[in-house]
């Protein structure tokens, strides 16, 4: 369960997150998760933007997702200690 704006959202192993809330809420939740990464866990702005630049030029990027590993590239890129599973960054 995740709590955002005093609302609890239940996550189900057999459901897609987009099916649990409307599309606008889905993307707001994703943006909120990205913004929630703070302090020592967060990549610097310049590192984050460089990672996104690499992902934007990658043929595996599709609708904000890595078609090869399935991650949300913006969420993976914002966490300092993460890396691209295909060693592009």
PDB file of N, CA and C in Angstrom:
ATOM      1  N   UNK A   1       0.852  -1.163   0.000  1.00  0.00           N
ATOM      2  CA  UNK A   1       0.000   0.000   0.000  1.00  0.00           C
ATOM      3  C   UNK A   1       0.900   1.229   0.000  1.00  0.00           C
ATOM      4  N   UNK A   2       0.500   2.237  -0.757  1.00  0.00           N
ATOM      5  CA  UNK A   2       1.222   3.501  -0.805  1.00  0.00           C
ATOM      6  C   UNK A   2       0.243   4.603  -0.424  1.00  0.00           C
ATOM      7  N   UNK A   3       0.715   5.563   0.362  1.00  0.00           N
ATOM      8  CA  UNK A   3      -0.135   6.670   0.757  1.00  0.00           C
ATOM      9  C   UNK A   3       0.373   7.939   0.096  1.00  0.00           C
ATOM     10  N   UNK A   4      -0.528   8.641  -0.574  1.00  0.00           N
ATOM     11  CA  UNK A   4      -0.202   9.910  -1.207  1.00  0.00           C
ATOM     12  C   UNK A   4      -1.368  10.852  -0.983  1.00  0.00           C
ATOM     13  N   UNK A   5      -1.069  12.064  -0.560  1.00  0.00           N
ATOM     14  CA  UNK A   5      -2.094  13.079  -0.316  1.00  0.00           C
ATOM     15  C   UNK A   5      -3.204  12.545   0.589  1.00  0.00           C
ATOM     16  N   UNK A   6      -2.784  11.847   1.633  1.00  0.00           N
ATOM     17  CA  UNK A   6      -3.696  11.280   2.627  1.00  0.00           C
ATOM     18  C   UNK A   6      -4.680  10.265   2.044  1.00  0.00           C
ATOM     19  N   UNK A   7      -4.334   9.683   0.898  1.00  0.00           N
ATOM     20  CA  UNK A   7      -5.154   8.644   0.286  1.00  0.00           C
ATOM     21  C   UNK A   7      -4.303   7.395   0.178  1.00  0.00           C
ATOM     22  N   UNK A   8      -4.844   6.267   0.609  1.00  0.00           N
ATOM     23  CA  UNK A   8      -4.136   4.997   0.491  1.00  0.00           C
ATOM     24  C   UNK A   8      -4.493   4.323  -0.826  1.00  0.00           C
ATOM     25  N   UNK A   9      -3.453   3.903  -1.567  1.00  0.00           N
ATOM     26  CA  UNK A   9      -3.643   3.153  -2.796  1.00  0.00           C
ATOM     27  C   UNK A   9      -3.138   1.744  -2.563  1.00  0.00           C
ATOM     28  N   UNK A  10      -3.966   0.776  -2.872  1.00  0.00           N
ATOM     29  CA  UNK A  10      -3.604  -0.618  -2.707  1.00  0.00           C
ATOM     30  C   UNK A  10      -2.999  -1.114  -4.006  1.00  0.00           C
ATOM     31  N   UNK A  11      -1.861  -1.791  -3.906  1.00  0.00           N
ATOM     32  CA  UNK A  11      -1.235  -2.376  -5.073  1.00  0.00           C
ATOM     33  C   UNK A  11      -1.448  -3.874  -5.049  1.00  0.00           C
ATOM     34  N   UNK A  12      -1.849  -4.399  -6.156  1.00  0.00           N
ATOM     35  CA  UNK A  12      -2.200  -5.798  -6.306  1.00  0.00           C
ATOM     36  C   UNK A  12      -1.189  -6.472  -7.228  1.00  0.00           C
ATOM     37  N   UNK A  13      -0.703  -7.619  -6.844  1.00  0.00           N
ATOM     38  CA  UNK A  13       0.269  -8.344  -7.663  1.00  0.00           C
ATOM     39  C   UNK A  13      -0.320  -8.793  -8.998  1.00  0.00           C
ATOM     40  N   UNK A  14      -1.620  -8.887  -9.079  1.00  0.00           N
ATOM     41  CA  UNK A  14      -2.266  -9.379 -10.291  1.00  0.00           C
ATOM     42  C   UNK A  14      -2.901  -8.259 -11.110  1.00  0.00           C
ATOM     43  N   UNK A  15      -2.586  -7.000 -10.790  1.00  0.00           N
ATOM     44  CA  UNK A  15      -3.171  -5.865 -11.490  1.00  0.00           C
ATOM     45  C   UNK A  15      -2.067  -4.969 -12.021  1.00  0.00           C
ATOM     46  N   UNK A  16      -2.416  -4.162 -12.987  1.00  0.00           N
ATOM     47  CA  UNK A  16      -1.527  -3.110 -13.454  1.00  0.00           C
ATOM     48  C   UNK A  16      -1.891  -1.831 -12.721  1.00  0.00           C
ATOM     49  N   UNK A  17      -0.879  -1.016 -12.410  1.00  0.00           N
ATOM     50  CA  UNK A  17      -1.168   0.210 -11.671  1.00  0.00           C
ATOM     51  C   UNK A  17      -2.134   1.102 -12.433  1.00  0.00           C
ATOM     52  N   UNK A  18      -2.065   1.103 -13.756  1.00  0.00           N
ATOM     53  CA  UNK A  18      -2.974   1.962 -14.521  1.00  0.00           C
ATOM     54  C   UNK A  18      -4.429   1.539 -14.366  1.00  0.00           C
ATOM     55  N   UNK A  19      -4.650   0.284 -13.996  1.00  0.00           N
ATOM     56  CA  UNK A  19      -6.008  -0.194 -13.787  1.00  0.00           C
ATOM     57  C   UNK A  19      -6.527   0.122 -12.390  1.00  0.00           C
ATOM     58  N   UNK A  20      -5.648   0.578 -11.513  1.00  0.00           N
ATOM     59  CA  UNK A  20      -6.049   0.861 -10.145  1.00  0.00           C
ATOM     60  C   UNK A  20      -6.485   2.303  -9.949  1.00  0.00           C
ATOM     61  N   UNK A  21      -6.182   3.168 -10.886  1.00  0.00           N
ATOM     62  CA  UNK A  21      -6.545   4.574 -10.777  1.00  0.00           C
ATOM     63  C   UNK A  21      -6.668   5.133 -12.180  1.00  0.00           C
ATOM     64  N   UNK A  22      -7.276   6.281 -12.313  1.00  0.00           N
ATOM     65  CA  UNK A  22      -7.413   6.840 -13.652  1.00  0.00           C
ATOM     66  C   UNK A  22      -6.052   7.284 -14.179  1.00  0.00           C
ATOM     67  N   UNK A  23      -5.978   7.514 -15.481  1.00  0.00           N
ATOM     68  CA  UNK A  23      -4.699   7.794 -16.152  1.00  0.00           C
ATOM     69  C   UNK A  23      -3.999   9.025 -15.577  1.00  0.00           C
ATOM     70  N   UNK A  24      -4.755  10.081 -15.303  1.00  0.00           N
ATOM     71  CA  UNK A  24      -4.141  11.281 -14.734  1.00  0.00           C
ATOM     72  C   UNK A  24      -3.539  10.982 -13.366  1.00  0.00           C
ATOM     73  N   UNK A  25      -4.268  10.240 -12.539  1.00  0.00           N
ATOM     74  CA  UNK A  25      -3.748   9.869 -11.228  1.00  0.00           C
ATOM     75  C   UNK A  25      -2.513   8.978 -11.356  1.00  0.00           C
ATOM     76  N   UNK A  26      -2.530   8.105 -12.332  1.00  0.00           N
ATOM     77  CA  UNK A  26      -1.413   7.192 -12.599  1.00  0.00           C
ATOM     78  C   UNK A  26      -0.127   7.992 -12.818  1.00  0.00           C
ATOM     79  N   UNK A  27      -0.185   8.986 -13.693  1.00  0.00           N
ATOM     80  CA  UNK A  27       1.001   9.769 -13.969  1.00  0.00           C
ATOM     81  C   UNK A  27       1.354  10.725 -12.836  1.00  0.00           C
ATOM     82  N   UNK A  28       0.355  11.221 -12.121  1.00  0.00           N
ATOM     83  CA  UNK A  28       0.632  12.039 -10.935  1.00  0.00           C
ATOM     84  C   UNK A  28       1.363  11.205  -9.884  1.00  0.00           C
ATOM     85  N   UNK A  29       0.936   9.966  -9.723  1.00  0.00           N
ATOM     86  CA  UNK A  29       1.578   9.075  -8.761  1.00  0.00           C
ATOM     87  C   UNK A  29       3.019   8.810  -9.159  1.00  0.00           C
ATOM     88  N   UNK A  30       3.254   8.550 -10.428  1.00  0.00           N
ATOM     89  CA  UNK A  30       4.616   8.328 -10.908  1.00  0.00           C
ATOM     90  C   UNK A  30       5.481   9.565 -10.678  1.00  0.00           C
ATOM     91  N   UNK A  31       4.963  10.747 -11.012  1.00  0.00           N
ATOM     92  CA  UNK A  31       5.713  11.993 -10.793  1.00  0.00           C
ATOM     93  C   UNK A  31       5.976  12.203  -9.300  1.00  0.00           C
ATOM     94  N   UNK A  32       4.990  11.896  -8.467  1.00  0.00           N
ATOM     95  CA  UNK A  32       5.163  12.054  -7.020  1.00  0.00           C
ATOM     96  C   UNK A  32       6.241  11.110  -6.501  1.00  0.00           C
ATOM     97  N   UNK A  33       6.277   9.891  -7.009  1.00  0.00           N
ATOM     98  CA  UNK A  33       7.325   8.946  -6.591  1.00  0.00           C
ATOM     99  C   UNK A  33       8.706   9.472  -6.981  1.00  0.00           C
ATOM    100  N   UNK A  34       8.809  10.045  -8.166  1.00  0.00           N
ATOM    101  CA  UNK A  34      10.084  10.617  -8.623  1.00  0.00           C
ATOM    102  C   UNK A  34      10.477  11.787  -7.723  1.00  0.00           C
ATOM    103  N   UNK A  35       9.527  12.665  -7.423  1.00  0.00           N
ATOM    104  CA  UNK A  35       9.805  13.824  -6.577  1.00  0.00           C
ATOM    105  C   UNK A  35      10.107  13.419  -5.138  1.00  0.00           C
ATOM    106  N   UNK A  36       9.616  12.276  -4.712  1.00  0.00           N
ATOM    107  CA  UNK A  36       9.821  11.799  -3.345  1.00  0.00           C
ATOM    108  C   UNK A  36      11.254  11.323  -3.074  1.00  0.00           C
ATOM    109  N   UNK A  37      12.010  11.062  -4.117  1.00  0.00           N
ATOM    110  CA  UNK A  37      13.397  10.630  -3.927  1.00  0.00           C
ATOM    111  C   UNK A  37      14.199  11.867  -3.550  1.00  0.00           C
ATOM    112  N   UNK A  38      14.764  11.856  -2.357  1.00  0.00           N
ATOM    113  CA  UNK A  38      15.433  13.052  -1.827  1.00  0.00           C
ATOM    114  C   UNK A  38      16.794  12.707  -1.245  1.00  0.00           C
ATOM    115  N   UNK A  39      17.542  13.744  -0.953  1.00  0.00           N
ATOM    116  CA  UNK A  39      18.798  13.616  -0.222  1.00  0.00           C
ATOM    117  C   UNK A  39      19.827  12.757  -0.917  1.00  0.00           C
ATOM    118  N   UNK A  40      20.476  11.916  -0.139  1.00  0.00           N
ATOM    119  CA  UNK A  40      21.569  11.087  -0.640  1.00  0.00           C
ATOM    120  C   UNK A  40      21.128  10.038  -1.641  1.00  0.00           C
ATOM    121  N   UNK A  41      19.833   9.740  -1.681  1.00  0.00           N
ATOM    122  CA  UNK A  41      19.328   8.750  -2.635  1.00  0.00           C
ATOM    123  C   UNK A  41      19.174   9.331  -4.033  1.00  0.00           C
ATOM    124  N   UNK A  42      19.042  10.651  -4.130  1.00  0.00           N
ATOM    125  CA  UNK A  42      18.717  11.313  -5.395  1.00  0.00           C
ATOM    126  C   UNK A  42      19.973  11.660  -6.184  1.00  0.00           C
ATOM    127  N   UNK A  43      19.935  11.386  -7.483  1.00  0.00           N
ATOM    128  CA  UNK A  43      21.019  11.787  -8.383  1.00  0.00           C
ATOM    129  C   UNK A  43      21.018  13.309  -8.503  1.00  0.00           C
ATOM    130  N   UNK A  44      22.174  13.871  -8.765  1.00  0.00           N
ATOM    131  CA  UNK A  44      22.232  15.312  -8.992  1.00  0.00           C
ATOM    132  C   UNK A  44      21.402  15.644 -10.233  1.00  0.00           C
ATOM    133  N   UNK A  45      20.977  16.889 -10.345  1.00  0.00           N
ATOM    134  CA  UNK A  45      20.172  17.297 -11.499  1.00  0.00           C
ATOM    135  C   UNK A  45      20.922  17.042 -12.802  1.00  0.00           C
ATOM    136  N   UNK A  46      22.222  17.340 -12.816  1.00  0.00           N
ATOM    137  CA  UNK A  46      22.991  17.144 -14.053  1.00  0.00           C
ATOM    138  C   UNK A  46      23.114  15.662 -14.412  1.00  0.00           C
ATOM    139  N   UNK A  47      23.324  14.803 -13.413  1.00  0.00           N
ATOM    140  CA  UNK A  47      23.403  13.362 -13.677  1.00  0.00           C
ATOM    141  C   UNK A  47      22.055  12.835 -14.154  1.00  0.00           C
ATOM    142  N   UNK A  48      20.988  13.267 -13.509  1.00  0.00           N
ATOM    143  CA  UNK A  48      19.637  12.853 -13.897  1.00  0.00           C
ATOM    144  C   UNK A  48      19.354  13.224 -15.353  1.00  0.00           C
ATOM    145  N   UNK A  49      19.645  14.470 -15.714  1.00  0.00           N
ATOM    146  CA  UNK A  49      19.389  14.927 -17.079  1.00  0.00           C
ATOM    147  C   UNK A  49      20.270  14.189 -18.095  1.00  0.00           C
ATOM    148  N   UNK A  50      21.500  13.893 -17.740  1.00  0.00           N
ATOM    149  CA  UNK A  50      22.379  13.130 -18.634  1.00  0.00           C
ATOM    150  C   UNK A  50      21.823  11.725 -18.847  1.00  0.00           C
ATOM    151  N   UNK A  51      21.380  11.092 -17.794  1.00  0.00           N
ATOM    152  CA  UNK A  51      20.784   9.760 -17.911  1.00  0.00           C
ATOM    153  C   UNK A  51      19.562   9.794 -18.815  1.00  0.00           C
ATOM    154  N   UNK A  52      18.706  10.782 -18.625  1.00  0.00           N
ATOM    155  CA  UNK A  52      17.509  10.885 -19.467  1.00  0.00           C
ATOM    156  C   UNK A  52      17.875  11.157 -20.921  1.00  0.00           C
ATOM    157  N   UNK A  53      18.912  11.937 -21.150  1.00  0.00           N
ATOM    158  CA  UNK A  53      19.373  12.200 -22.518  1.00  0.00           C
ATOM    159  C   UNK A  53      19.781  10.894 -23.194  1.00  0.00           C
ATOM    160  N   UNK A  54      20.505  10.041 -22.458  1.00  0.00           N
ATOM    161  CA  UNK A  54      20.912   8.740 -22.990  1.00  0.00           C
ATOM    162  C   UNK A  54      19.676   7.892 -23.292  1.00  0.00           C
ATOM    163  N   UNK A  55      18.728   7.875 -22.367  1.00  0.00           N
ATOM    164  CA  UNK A  55      17.513   7.078 -22.571  1.00  0.00           C
ATOM    165  C   UNK A  55      16.706   7.599 -23.764  1.00  0.00           C
ATOM    166  N   UNK A  56      16.652   8.918 -23.933  1.00  0.00           N
ATOM    167  CA  UNK A  56      15.909   9.482 -25.060  1.00  0.00           C
ATOM    168  C   UNK A  56      16.495   9.066 -26.404  1.00  0.00           C
ATOM    169  N   UNK A  57      17.780   8.795 -26.441  1.00  0.00           N
ATOM    170  CA  UNK A  57      18.412   8.384 -27.696  1.00  0.00           C
ATOM    171  C   UNK A  57      18.410   6.861 -27.878  1.00  0.00           C
ATOM    172  N   UNK A  58      17.875   6.146 -26.909  1.00  0.00           N
ATOM    173  CA  UNK A  58      17.890   4.682 -26.941  1.00  0.00           C
ATOM    174  C   UNK A  58      16.673   4.137 -27.699  1.00  0.00           C
ATOM    175  N   UNK A  59      16.914   3.164 -28.513  1.00  0.00           N
ATOM    176  CA  UNK A  59      15.836   2.542 -29.290  1.00  0.00           C
ATOM    177  C   UNK A  59      14.890   1.704 -28.420  1.00  0.00           C
ATOM    178  N   UNK A  60      15.262   1.475 -27.175  1.00  0.00           N
ATOM    179  CA  UNK A  60      14.430   0.672 -26.273  1.00  0.00           C
ATOM    180  C   UNK A  60      13.405   1.512 -25.500  1.00  0.00           C
ATOM    181  N   UNK A  61      13.477   2.842 -25.604  1.00  0.00           N
ATOM    182  CA  UNK A  61      12.533   3.713 -24.909  1.00  0.00           C
ATOM    183  C   UNK A  61      11.182   3.678 -25.613  1.00  0.00           C
ATOM    184  N   UNK A  62      10.128   3.422 -24.845  1.00  0.00           N
ATOM    185  CA  UNK A  62       8.782   3.371 -25.394  1.00  0.00           C
ATOM    186  C   UNK A  62       7.806   3.861 -24.332  1.00  0.00           C
ATOM    187  N   UNK A  63       7.169   4.991 -24.584  1.00  0.00           N
ATOM    188  CA  UNK A  63       6.179   5.560 -23.652  1.00  0.00           C
ATOM    189  C   UNK A  63       6.717   5.707 -22.232  1.00  0.00           C
ATOM    190  N   UNK A  64       7.968   6.129 -22.098  1.00  0.00           N
ATOM    191  CA  UNK A  64       8.551   6.342 -20.776  1.00  0.00           C
ATOM    192  C   UNK A  64       9.072   5.092 -20.113  1.00  0.00           C
ATOM    193  N   UNK A  65       8.897   3.957 -20.770  1.00  0.00           N
ATOM    194  CA  UNK A  65       9.366   2.674 -20.234  1.00  0.00           C
ATOM    195  C   UNK A  65      10.536   2.164 -21.056  1.00  0.00           C
ATOM    196  N   UNK A  66      11.411   1.442 -20.395  1.00  0.00           N
ATOM    197  CA  UNK A  66      12.468   0.724 -21.100  1.00  0.00           C
ATOM    198  C   UNK A  66      11.834  -0.581 -21.597  1.00  0.00           C
ATOM    199  N   UNK A  67      11.744  -0.747 -22.900  1.00  0.00           N
ATOM    200  CA  UNK A  67      11.119  -1.942 -23.470  1.00  0.00           C
ATOM    201  C   UNK A  67      11.958  -3.192 -23.216  1.00  0.00           C
ATOM    202  N   UNK A  68      13.206  -3.023 -22.835  1.00  0.00           N
ATOM    203  CA  UNK A  68      14.067  -4.179 -22.582  1.00  0.00           C
ATOM    204  C   UNK A  68      13.923  -4.697 -21.152  1.00  0.00           C
ATOM    205  N   UNK A  69      13.899  -3.792 -20.168  1.00  0.00           N
ATOM    206  CA  UNK A  69      13.843  -4.257 -18.773  1.00  0.00           C
ATOM    207  C   UNK A  69      12.519  -3.934 -18.093  1.00  0.00           C
ATOM    208  N   UNK A  70      11.731  -3.018 -18.654  1.00  0.00           N
ATOM    209  CA  UNK A  70      10.421  -2.710 -18.105  1.00  0.00           C
ATOM    210  C   UNK A  70      10.381  -1.592 -17.076  1.00  0.00           C
ATOM    211  N   UNK A  71      11.516  -0.944 -16.801  1.00  0.00           N
ATOM    212  CA  UNK A  71      11.520   0.116 -15.790  1.00  0.00           C
ATOM    213  C   UNK A  71      10.944   1.411 -16.356  1.00  0.00           C
ATOM    214  N   UNK A  72      10.482   2.269 -15.440  1.00  0.00           N
ATOM    215  CA  UNK A  72      10.176   3.648 -15.801  1.00  0.00           C
ATOM    216  C   UNK A  72      11.509   4.368 -15.786  1.00  0.00           C
ATOM    217  N   UNK A  73      11.981   4.807 -16.940  1.00  0.00           N
ATOM    218  CA  UNK A  73      13.341   5.337 -17.015  1.00  0.00           C
ATOM    219  C   UNK A  73      13.527   6.565 -16.127  1.00  0.00           C
ATOM    220  N   UNK A  74      12.519   7.416 -16.003  1.00  0.00           N
ATOM    221  CA  UNK A  74      12.663   8.603 -15.157  1.00  0.00           C
ATOM    222  C   UNK A  74      12.817   8.231 -13.687  1.00  0.00           C
ATOM    223  N   UNK A  75      12.123   7.199 -13.260  1.00  0.00           N
ATOM    224  CA  UNK A  75      12.229   6.752 -11.873  1.00  0.00           C
ATOM    225  C   UNK A  75      13.565   6.054 -11.631  1.00  0.00           C
ATOM    226  N   UNK A  76      14.002   5.218 -12.551  1.00  0.00           N
ATOM    227  CA  UNK A  76      15.301   4.557 -12.399  1.00  0.00           C
ATOM    228  C   UNK A  76      16.424   5.594 -12.405  1.00  0.00           C
ATOM    229  N   UNK A  77      16.330   6.574 -13.292  1.00  0.00           N
ATOM    230  CA  UNK A  77      17.402   7.552 -13.463  1.00  0.00           C
ATOM    231  C   UNK A  77      17.567   8.489 -12.276  1.00  0.00           C
ATOM    232  N   UNK A  78      16.499   8.757 -11.530  1.00  0.00           N
ATOM    233  CA  UNK A  78      16.574   9.718 -10.438  1.00  0.00           C
ATOM    234  C   UNK A  78      17.276   9.148  -9.200  1.00  0.00           C
ATOM    235  N   UNK A  79      17.359   7.846  -9.094  1.00  0.00           N
ATOM    236  CA  UNK A  79      18.006   7.227  -7.932  1.00  0.00           C
ATOM    237  C   UNK A  79      19.504   7.101  -8.201  1.00  0.00           C
ATOM    238  N   UNK A  80      20.275   7.782  -7.388  1.00  0.00           N
ATOM    239  CA  UNK A  80      21.712   7.932  -7.611  1.00  0.00           C
ATOM    240  C   UNK A  80      22.436   6.611  -7.836  1.00  0.00           C
ATOM    241  N   UNK A  81      22.176   5.612  -7.029  1.00  0.00           N
ATOM    242  CA  UNK A  81      22.928   4.359  -7.108  1.00  0.00           C
ATOM    243  C   UNK A  81      22.423   3.389  -8.178  1.00  0.00           C
ATOM    244  N   UNK A  82      21.369   3.762  -8.897  1.00  0.00           N
ATOM    245  CA  UNK A  82      20.874   2.905  -9.973  1.00  0.00           C
ATOM    246  C   UNK A  82      21.781   2.997 -11.189  1.00  0.00           C
ATOM    247  N   UNK A  83      21.639   2.030 -12.046  1.00  0.00           N
ATOM    248  CA  UNK A  83      22.346   2.060 -13.324  1.00  0.00           C
ATOM    249  C   UNK A  83      21.443   1.444 -14.379  1.00  0.00           C
ATOM    250  N   UNK A  84      21.771   1.699 -15.611  1.00  0.00           N
ATOM    251  CA  UNK A  84      21.047   1.100 -16.719  1.00  0.00           C
ATOM    252  C   UNK A  84      21.426  -0.378 -16.768  1.00  0.00           C
ATOM    253  N   UNK A  85      20.451  -1.264 -16.837  1.00  0.00           N
ATOM    254  CA  UNK A  85      20.777  -2.680 -16.881  1.00  0.00           C
ATOM    255  C   UNK A  85      21.511  -3.072 -18.162  1.00  0.00           C
ATOM    256  N   UNK A  86      21.515  -2.186 -19.138  1.00  0.00           N
ATOM    257  CA  UNK A  86      22.223  -2.444 -20.388  1.00  0.00           C
ATOM    258  C   UNK A  86      23.488  -1.624 -20.501  1.00  0.00           C
ATOM    259  N   UNK A  87      23.926  -1.100 -19.357  1.00  0.00           N
ATOM    260  CA  UNK A  87      25.205  -0.392 -19.208  1.00  0.00           C
ATOM    261  C   UNK A  87      25.364   0.789 -20.153  1.00  0.00           C
ATOM    262  N   UNK A  88      24.247   1.473 -20.428  1.00  0.00           N
ATOM    263  CA  UNK A  88      24.316   2.689 -21.237  1.00  0.00           C
ATOM    264  C   UNK A  88      24.631   3.907 -20.359  1.00  0.00           C
ATOM    265  N   UNK A  89      24.343   3.786 -19.058  1.00  0.00           N
ATOM    266  CA  UNK A  89      24.749   4.814 -18.081  1.00  0.00           C
ATOM    267  C   UNK A  89      24.938   4.172 -16.733  1.00  0.00           C
TER     268      UNK A  89
END
